[in-house]
Amino acid sequence: MRKWLGRFSYSLLIIGGVMFYQVYKWQTSVDQKIPGWQALLIVIGGVACIALGMQGIRYRHEQIRADISGEQNGNRD
């Protein structure tokens, strides 16, 4: 699971940002209004995407740090 979160971390951040932008765009436009419950669900999805993306970045950096410390100790694979 950590491996996949690390791989998709930046994609999840972008998707979360796009979701927030869509809600902003829909709420500020005059002709395209969406119901409040739908906007809330999209915002919750955006928060989940950003949280998973940040967790993936953390996992990715843990792996990089482990690789660097292994090379410094002479444990190259």
PDB file of N, CA and C in Angstrom:
ATOM      1  N   MET A   1       0.825  -1.197   0.000  1.00  0.00           N
ATOM      2  CA  MET A   1       0.000   0.000   0.000  1.00  0.00           C
ATOM      3  C   MET A   1       0.868   1.260   0.000  1.00  0.00           C
ATOM      4  N   ARG A   2       1.934   1.232   0.787  1.00  0.00           N
ATOM      5  CA  ARG A   2       2.812   2.405   0.866  1.00  0.00           C
ATOM      6  C   ARG A   2       3.467   2.690  -0.477  1.00  0.00           C
ATOM      7  N   LYS A   3       3.813   1.614  -1.181  1.00  0.00           N
ATOM      8  CA  LYS A   3       4.453   1.770  -2.479  1.00  0.00           C
ATOM      9  C   LYS A   3       3.524   2.500  -3.454  1.00  0.00           C
ATOM     10  N   TRP A   4       2.250   2.132  -3.450  1.00  0.00           N
ATOM     11  CA  TRP A   4       1.307   2.768  -4.370  1.00  0.00           C
ATOM     12  C   TRP A   4       0.974   4.190  -3.948  1.00  0.00           C
ATOM     13  N   LEU A   5       0.901   4.442  -2.654  1.00  0.00           N
ATOM     14  CA  LEU A   5       0.692   5.815  -2.204  1.00  0.00           C
ATOM     15  C   LEU A   5       1.869   6.694  -2.595  1.00  0.00           C
ATOM     16  N   GLY A   6       3.059   6.148  -2.496  1.00  0.00           N
ATOM     17  CA  GLY A   6       4.248   6.893  -2.912  1.00  0.00           C
ATOM     18  C   GLY A   6       4.235   7.198  -4.401  1.00  0.00           C
ATOM     19  N   ARG A   7       3.766   6.244  -5.185  1.00  0.00           N
ATOM     20  CA  ARG A   7       3.737   6.458  -6.633  1.00  0.00           C
ATOM     21  C   ARG A   7       2.682   7.473  -7.054  1.00  0.00           C
ATOM     22  N   PHE A   8       1.525   7.418  -6.422  1.00  0.00           N
ATOM     23  CA  PHE A   8       0.420   8.277  -6.836  1.00  0.00           C
ATOM     24  C   PHE A   8       0.283   9.547  -6.010  1.00  0.00           C
ATOM     25  N   SER A   9       1.281   9.887  -5.212  1.00  0.00           N
ATOM     26  CA  SER A   9       1.137  11.009  -4.289  1.00  0.00           C
ATOM     27  C   SER A   9       0.915  12.338  -5.016  1.00  0.00           C
ATOM     28  N   TYR A  10       1.701  12.610  -6.047  1.00  0.00           N
ATOM     29  CA  TYR A  10       1.542  13.887  -6.744  1.00  0.00           C
ATOM     30  C   TYR A  10       0.241  13.929  -7.535  1.00  0.00           C
ATOM     31  N   SER A  11      -0.148  12.804  -8.092  1.00  0.00           N
ATOM     32  CA  SER A  11      -1.423  12.744  -8.816  1.00  0.00           C
ATOM     33  C   SER A  11      -2.590  13.019  -7.876  1.00  0.00           C
ATOM     34  N   LEU A  12      -2.529  12.460  -6.676  1.00  0.00           N
ATOM     35  CA  LEU A  12      -3.604  12.705  -5.710  1.00  0.00           C
ATOM     36  C   LEU A  12      -3.667  14.173  -5.297  1.00  0.00           C
ATOM     37  N   LEU A  13      -2.515  14.808  -5.148  1.00  0.00           N
ATOM     38  CA  LEU A  13      -2.505  16.239  -4.814  1.00  0.00           C
ATOM     39  C   LEU A  13      -3.133  17.064  -5.938  1.00  0.00           C
ATOM     40  N   ILE A  14      -2.826  16.715  -7.169  1.00  0.00           N
ATOM     41  CA  ILE A  14      -3.390  17.450  -8.308  1.00  0.00           C
ATOM     42  C   ILE A  14      -4.891  17.236  -8.384  1.00  0.00           C
ATOM     43  N   ILE A  15      -5.353  15.995  -8.201  1.00  0.00           N
ATOM     44  CA  ILE A  15      -6.785  15.717  -8.248  1.00  0.00           C
ATOM     45  C   ILE A  15      -7.520  16.465  -7.145  1.00  0.00           C
ATOM     46  N   GLY A  16      -6.944  16.492  -5.946  1.00  0.00           N
ATOM     47  CA  GLY A  16      -7.562  17.238  -4.851  1.00  0.00           C
ATOM     48  C   GLY A  16      -7.650  18.724  -5.152  1.00  0.00           C
ATOM     49  N   GLY A  17      -6.602  19.281  -5.732  1.00  0.00           N
ATOM     50  CA  GLY A  17      -6.625  20.698  -6.111  1.00  0.00           C
ATOM     51  C   GLY A  17      -7.664  20.986  -7.180  1.00  0.00           C
ATOM     52  N   VAL A  18      -7.799  20.099  -8.146  1.00  0.00           N
ATOM     53  CA  VAL A  18      -8.803  20.281  -9.200  1.00  0.00           C
ATOM     54  C   VAL A  18     -10.209  20.206  -8.615  1.00  0.00           C
ATOM     55  N   MET A  19     -10.412  19.320  -7.648  1.00  0.00           N
ATOM     56  CA  MET A  19     -11.734  19.222  -7.018  1.00  0.00           C
ATOM     57  C   MET A  19     -12.084  20.524  -6.293  1.00  0.00           C
ATOM     58  N   PHE A  20     -11.111  21.075  -5.555  1.00  0.00           N
ATOM     59  CA  PHE A  20     -11.367  22.346  -4.877  1.00  0.00           C
ATOM     60  C   PHE A  20     -11.644  23.466  -5.874  1.00  0.00           C
ATOM     61  N   TYR A  21     -10.897  23.487  -6.967  1.00  0.00           N
ATOM     62  CA  TYR A  21     -11.099  24.516  -7.974  1.00  0.00           C
ATOM     63  C   TYR A  21     -12.482  24.405  -8.620  1.00  0.00           C
ATOM     64  N   GLN A  22     -12.925  23.176  -8.874  1.00  0.00           N
ATOM     65  CA  GLN A  22     -14.255  22.983  -9.472  1.00  0.00           C
ATOM     66  C   GLN A  22     -15.352  23.518  -8.555  1.00  0.00           C
ATOM     67  N   VAL A  23     -15.246  23.214  -7.283  1.00  0.00           N
ATOM     68  CA  VAL A  23     -16.262  23.712  -6.338  1.00  0.00           C
ATOM     69  C   VAL A  23     -16.224  25.229  -6.292  1.00  0.00           C
ATOM     70  N   TYR A  24     -15.032  25.809  -6.264  1.00  0.00           N
ATOM     71  CA  TYR A  24     -14.909  27.266  -6.258  1.00  0.00           C
ATOM     72  C   TYR A  24     -15.533  27.867  -7.513  1.00  0.00           C
ATOM     73  N   LYS A  25     -15.222  27.260  -8.649  1.00  0.00           N
ATOM     74  CA  LYS A  25     -15.736  27.771  -9.919  1.00  0.00           C
ATOM     75  C   LYS A  25     -17.263  27.673  -9.976  1.00  0.00           C
ATOM     76  N   TRP A  26     -17.808  26.549  -9.513  1.00  0.00           N
ATOM     77  CA  TRP A  26     -19.258  26.377  -9.531  1.00  0.00           C
ATOM     78  C   TRP A  26     -19.951  27.319  -8.552  1.00  0.00           C
ATOM     79  N   GLN A  27     -19.359  27.566  -7.404  1.00  0.00           N
ATOM     80  CA  GLN A  27     -19.995  28.410  -6.400  1.00  0.00           C
ATOM     81  C   GLN A  27     -19.929  29.890  -6.755  1.00  0.00           C
ATOM     82  N   THR A  28     -18.926  30.297  -7.537  1.00  0.00           N
ATOM     83  CA  THR A  28     -18.816  31.711  -7.895  1.00  0.00           C
ATOM     84  C   THR A  28     -19.481  32.059  -9.214  1.00  0.00           C
ATOM     85  N   SER A  29     -19.866  31.056 -10.003  1.00  0.00           N
ATOM     86  CA  SER A  29     -20.519  31.364 -11.278  1.00  0.00           C
ATOM     87  C   SER A  29     -21.987  31.672 -11.047  1.00  0.00           C
ATOM     88  N   VAL A  30     -22.529  32.443 -11.942  1.00  0.00           N
ATOM     89  CA  VAL A  30     -23.921  32.878 -11.807  1.00  0.00           C
ATOM     90  C   VAL A  30     -24.880  31.820 -12.353  1.00  0.00           C
ATOM     91  N   ASP A  31     -24.525  31.203 -13.463  1.00  0.00           N
ATOM     92  CA  ASP A  31     -25.461  30.307 -14.128  1.00  0.00           C
ATOM     93  C   ASP A  31     -25.313  28.840 -13.724  1.00  0.00           C
ATOM     94  N   GLN A  32     -24.221  28.431 -13.127  1.00  0.00           N
ATOM     95  CA  GLN A  32     -24.023  27.033 -12.756  1.00  0.00           C
ATOM     96  C   GLN A  32     -23.906  26.903 -11.239  1.00  0.00           C
ATOM     97  N   LYS A  33     -24.993  26.715 -10.583  1.00  0.00           N
ATOM     98  CA  LYS A  33     -24.988  26.481  -9.143  1.00  0.00           C
ATOM     99  C   LYS A  33     -25.208  25.000  -8.890  1.00  0.00           C
ATOM    100  N   ILE A  34     -24.476  24.450  -7.930  1.00  0.00           N
ATOM    101  CA  ILE A  34     -24.703  23.065  -7.539  1.00  0.00           C
ATOM    102  C   ILE A  34     -25.239  23.072  -6.111  1.00  0.00           C
ATOM    103  N   PRO A  35     -25.976  22.021  -5.742  1.00  0.00           N
ATOM    104  CA  PRO A  35     -26.502  21.962  -4.371  1.00  0.00           C
ATOM    105  C   PRO A  35     -25.379  21.928  -3.335  1.00  0.00           C
ATOM    106  N   GLY A  36     -25.690  22.409  -2.163  1.00  0.00           N
ATOM    107  CA  GLY A  36     -24.692  22.468  -1.093  1.00  0.00           C
ATOM    108  C   GLY A  36     -24.172  21.104  -0.698  1.00  0.00           C
ATOM    109  N   TRP A  37     -25.024  20.081  -0.693  1.00  0.00           N
ATOM    110  CA  TRP A  37     -24.580  18.744  -0.307  1.00  0.00           C
ATOM    111  C   TRP A  37     -23.589  18.186  -1.325  1.00  0.00           C
ATOM    112  N   GLN A  38     -23.801  18.517  -2.601  1.00  0.00           N
ATOM    113  CA  GLN A  38     -22.886  18.030  -3.629  1.00  0.00           C
ATOM    114  C   GLN A  38     -21.527  18.720  -3.512  1.00  0.00           C
ATOM    115  N   ALA A  39     -21.543  20.007  -3.248  1.00  0.00           N
ATOM    116  CA  ALA A  39     -20.288  20.739  -3.054  1.00  0.00           C
ATOM    117  C   ALA A  39     -19.545  20.195  -1.831  1.00  0.00           C
ATOM    118  N   LEU A  40     -20.282  19.881  -0.769  1.00  0.00           N
ATOM    119  CA  LEU A  40     -19.666  19.339   0.441  1.00  0.00           C
ATOM    120  C   LEU A  40     -19.007  17.988   0.163  1.00  0.00           C
ATOM    121  N   LEU A  41     -19.672  17.134  -0.601  1.00  0.00           N
ATOM    122  CA  LEU A  41     -19.093  15.833  -0.927  1.00  0.00           C
ATOM    123  C   LEU A  41     -17.829  15.972  -1.770  1.00  0.00           C
ATOM    124  N   ILE A  42     -17.817  16.917  -2.700  1.00  0.00           N
ATOM    125  CA  ILE A  42     -16.636  17.127  -3.528  1.00  0.00           C
ATOM    126  C   ILE A  42     -15.490  17.673  -2.678  1.00  0.00           C
ATOM    127  N   VAL A  43     -15.775  18.557  -1.756  1.00  0.00           N
ATOM    128  CA  VAL A  43     -14.746  19.103  -0.868  1.00  0.00           C
ATOM    129  C   VAL A  43     -14.185  17.998   0.032  1.00  0.00           C
ATOM    130  N   ILE A  44     -15.041  17.125   0.551  1.00  0.00           N
ATOM    131  CA  ILE A  44     -14.570  16.010   1.377  1.00  0.00           C
ATOM    132  C   ILE A  44     -13.671  15.091   0.554  1.00  0.00           C
ATOM    133  N   GLY A  45     -14.054  14.831  -0.695  1.00  0.00           N
ATOM    134  CA  GLY A  45     -13.204  14.032  -1.571  1.00  0.00           C
ATOM    135  C   GLY A  45     -11.872  14.708  -1.835  1.00  0.00           C
ATOM    136  N   GLY A  46     -11.891  16.028  -2.009  1.00  0.00           N
ATOM    137  CA  GLY A  46     -10.648  16.769  -2.210  1.00  0.00           C
ATOM    138  C   GLY A  46      -9.741  16.707  -0.999  1.00  0.00           C
ATOM    139  N   VAL A  47     -10.325  16.819   0.178  1.00  0.00           N
ATOM    140  CA  VAL A  47      -9.531  16.725   1.412  1.00  0.00           C
ATOM    141  C   VAL A  47      -8.922  15.332   1.530  1.00  0.00           C
ATOM    142  N   ALA A  48      -9.703  14.302   1.207  1.00  0.00           N
ATOM    143  CA  ALA A  48      -9.186  12.931   1.271  1.00  0.00           C
ATOM    144  C   ALA A  48      -8.038  12.740   0.280  1.00  0.00           C
ATOM    145  N   CYS A  49      -8.182  13.272  -0.931  1.00  0.00           N
ATOM    146  CA  CYS A  49      -7.115  13.148  -1.935  1.00  0.00           C
ATOM    147  C   CYS A  49      -5.846  13.855  -1.479  1.00  0.00           C
ATOM    148  N   ILE A  50      -5.984  15.043  -0.941  1.00  0.00           N
ATOM    149  CA  ILE A  50      -4.808  15.783  -0.487  1.00  0.00           C
ATOM    150  C   ILE A  50      -4.158  15.086   0.711  1.00  0.00           C
ATOM    151  N   ALA A  51      -4.961  14.558   1.630  1.00  0.00           N
ATOM    152  CA  ALA A  51      -4.396  13.847   2.786  1.00  0.00           C
ATOM    153  C   ALA A  51      -3.641  12.593   2.337  1.00  0.00           C
ATOM    154  N   LEU A  52      -4.221  11.834   1.413  1.00  0.00           N
ATOM    155  CA  LEU A  52      -3.535  10.641   0.914  1.00  0.00           C
ATOM    156  C   LEU A  52      -2.281  11.010   0.126  1.00  0.00           C
ATOM    157  N   GLY A  53      -2.342  12.099  -0.621  1.00  0.00           N
ATOM    158  CA  GLY A  53      -1.171  12.552  -1.358  1.00  0.00           C
ATOM    159  C   GLY A  53      -0.036  12.956  -0.443  1.00  0.00           C
ATOM    160  N   MET A  54      -0.364  13.655   0.624  1.00  0.00           N
ATOM    161  CA  MET A  54       0.678  14.056   1.578  1.00  0.00           C
ATOM    162  C   MET A  54       1.261  12.841   2.303  1.00  0.00           C
ATOM    163  N   GLN A  55       0.409  11.874   2.616  1.00  0.00           N
ATOM    164  CA  GLN A  55       0.899  10.648   3.241  1.00  0.00           C
ATOM    165  C   GLN A  55       1.820   9.893   2.285  1.00  0.00           C
ATOM    166  N   GLY A  56       1.477   9.884   1.004  1.00  0.00           N
ATOM    167  CA  GLY A  56       2.324   9.240   0.014  1.00  0.00           C
ATOM    168  C   GLY A  56       3.679   9.910  -0.120  1.00  0.00           C
ATOM    169  N   ILE A  57       3.688  11.232  -0.045  1.00  0.00           N
ATOM    170  CA  ILE A  57       4.976  11.951  -0.085  1.00  0.00           C
ATOM    171  C   ILE A  57       5.817  11.579   1.127  1.00  0.00           C
ATOM    172  N   ARG A  58       5.183  11.428   2.276  1.00  0.00           N
ATOM    173  CA  ARG A  58       5.905  11.027   3.483  1.00  0.00           C
ATOM    174  C   ARG A  58       6.514   9.634   3.304  1.00  0.00           C
ATOM    175  N   TYR A  59       5.745   8.711   2.772  1.00  0.00           N
ATOM    176  CA  TYR A  59       6.263   7.361   2.545  1.00  0.00           C
ATOM    177  C   TYR A  59       7.404   7.364   1.538  1.00  0.00           C
ATOM    178  N   ARG A  60       7.255   8.170   0.503  1.00  0.00           N
ATOM    179  CA  ARG A  60       8.301   8.240  -0.518  1.00  0.00           C
ATOM    180  C   ARG A  60       9.603   8.764   0.085  1.00  0.00           C
ATOM    181  N   HIS A  61       9.516   9.778   0.934  1.00  0.00           N
ATOM    182  CA  HIS A  61      10.721  10.340   1.544  1.00  0.00           C
ATOM    183  C   HIS A  61      11.317   9.393   2.585  1.00  0.00           C
ATOM    184  N   GLU A  62      10.484   8.616   3.259  1.00  0.00           N
ATOM    185  CA  GLU A  62      11.017   7.609   4.182  1.00  0.00           C
ATOM    186  C   GLU A  62      11.838   6.581   3.419  1.00  0.00           C
ATOM    187  N   GLN A  63      11.348   6.174   2.258  1.00  0.00           N
ATOM    188  CA  GLN A  63      12.058   5.195   1.447  1.00  0.00           C
ATOM    189  C   GLN A  63      13.382   5.775   0.944  1.00  0.00           C
ATOM    190  N   ILE A  64      13.371   7.024   0.528  1.00  0.00           N
ATOM    191  CA  ILE A  64      14.596   7.672   0.056  1.00  0.00           C
ATOM    192  C   ILE A  64      15.612   7.771   1.187  1.00  0.00           C
ATOM    193  N   ARG A  65      15.139   8.161   2.385  1.00  0.00           N
ATOM    194  CA  ARG A  65      16.047   8.253   3.525  1.00  0.00           C
ATOM    195  C   ARG A  65      16.623   6.891   3.901  1.00  0.00           C
ATOM    196  N   ALA A  66      15.809   5.843   3.811  1.00  0.00           N
ATOM    197  CA  ALA A  66      16.298   4.500   4.133  1.00  0.00           C
ATOM    198  C   ALA A  66      17.339   4.059   3.117  1.00  0.00           C
ATOM    199  N   ASP A  67      17.123   4.393   1.838  1.00  0.00           N
ATOM    200  CA  ASP A  67      18.099   4.038   0.807  1.00  0.00           C
ATOM    201  C   ASP A  67      19.413   4.777   1.025  1.00  0.00           C
ATOM    202  N   ILE A  68      19.346   6.035   1.381  1.00  0.00           N
ATOM    203  CA  ILE A  68      20.557   6.835   1.593  1.00  0.00           C
ATOM    204  C   ILE A  68      21.320   6.329   2.806  1.00  0.00           C
ATOM    205  N   SER A  69      20.632   6.020   3.886  1.00  0.00           N
ATOM    206  CA  SER A  69      21.326   5.533   5.088  1.00  0.00           C
ATOM    207  C   SER A  69      21.919   4.155   4.835  1.00  0.00           C
ATOM    208  N   GLY A  70      21.287   3.327   4.014  1.00  0.00           N
ATOM    209  CA  GLY A  70      21.846   2.026   3.677  1.00  0.00           C
ATOM    210  C   GLY A  70      23.106   2.156   2.853  1.00  0.00           C
ATOM    211  N   GLU A  71      23.150   3.129   1.969  1.00  0.00           N
ATOM    212  CA  GLU A  71      24.361   3.348   1.164  1.00  0.00           C
ATOM    213  C   GLU A  71      25.501   3.898   2.012  1.00  0.00           C
ATOM    214  N   GLN A  72      25.177   4.717   2.999  1.00  0.00           N
ATOM    215  CA  GLN A  72      26.224   5.290   3.847  1.00  0.00           C
ATOM    216  C   GLN A  72      26.827   4.226   4.758  1.00  0.00           C
ATOM    217  N   ASN A  73      26.026   3.239   5.124  1.00  0.00           N
ATOM    218  CA  ASN A  73      26.540   2.169   5.998  1.00  0.00           C
ATOM    219  C   ASN A  73      27.212   1.055   5.208  1.00  0.00           C
ATOM    220  N   GLY A  74      27.247   1.157   3.904  1.00  0.00           N
ATOM    221  CA  GLY A  74      27.908   0.156   3.078  1.00  0.00           C
ATOM    222  C   GLY A  74      27.022  -1.032   2.745  1.00  0.00           C
ATOM    223  N   ASN A  75      25.726  -0.909   2.970  1.00  0.00           N
ATOM    224  CA  ASN A  75      24.798  -2.004   2.696  1.00  0.00           C
ATOM    225  C   ASN A  75      24.115  -1.808   1.357  1.00  0.00           C
ATOM    226  N   ARG A  76      24.870  -1.783   0.323  1.00  0.00           N
ATOM    227  CA  ARG A  76      24.277  -1.610  -1.008  1.00  0.00           C
ATOM    228  C   ARG A  76      23.706  -2.924  -1.478  1.00  0.00           C
ATOM    229  N   ASP A  77      22.546  -2.872  -2.073  1.00  0.00           N
ATOM    230  CA  ASP A  77      21.907  -4.092  -2.583  1.00  0.00           C
ATOM    231  C   ASP A  77      22.314  -4.384  -3.999  1.00  0.00           C
TER     232      ASP A  77
END
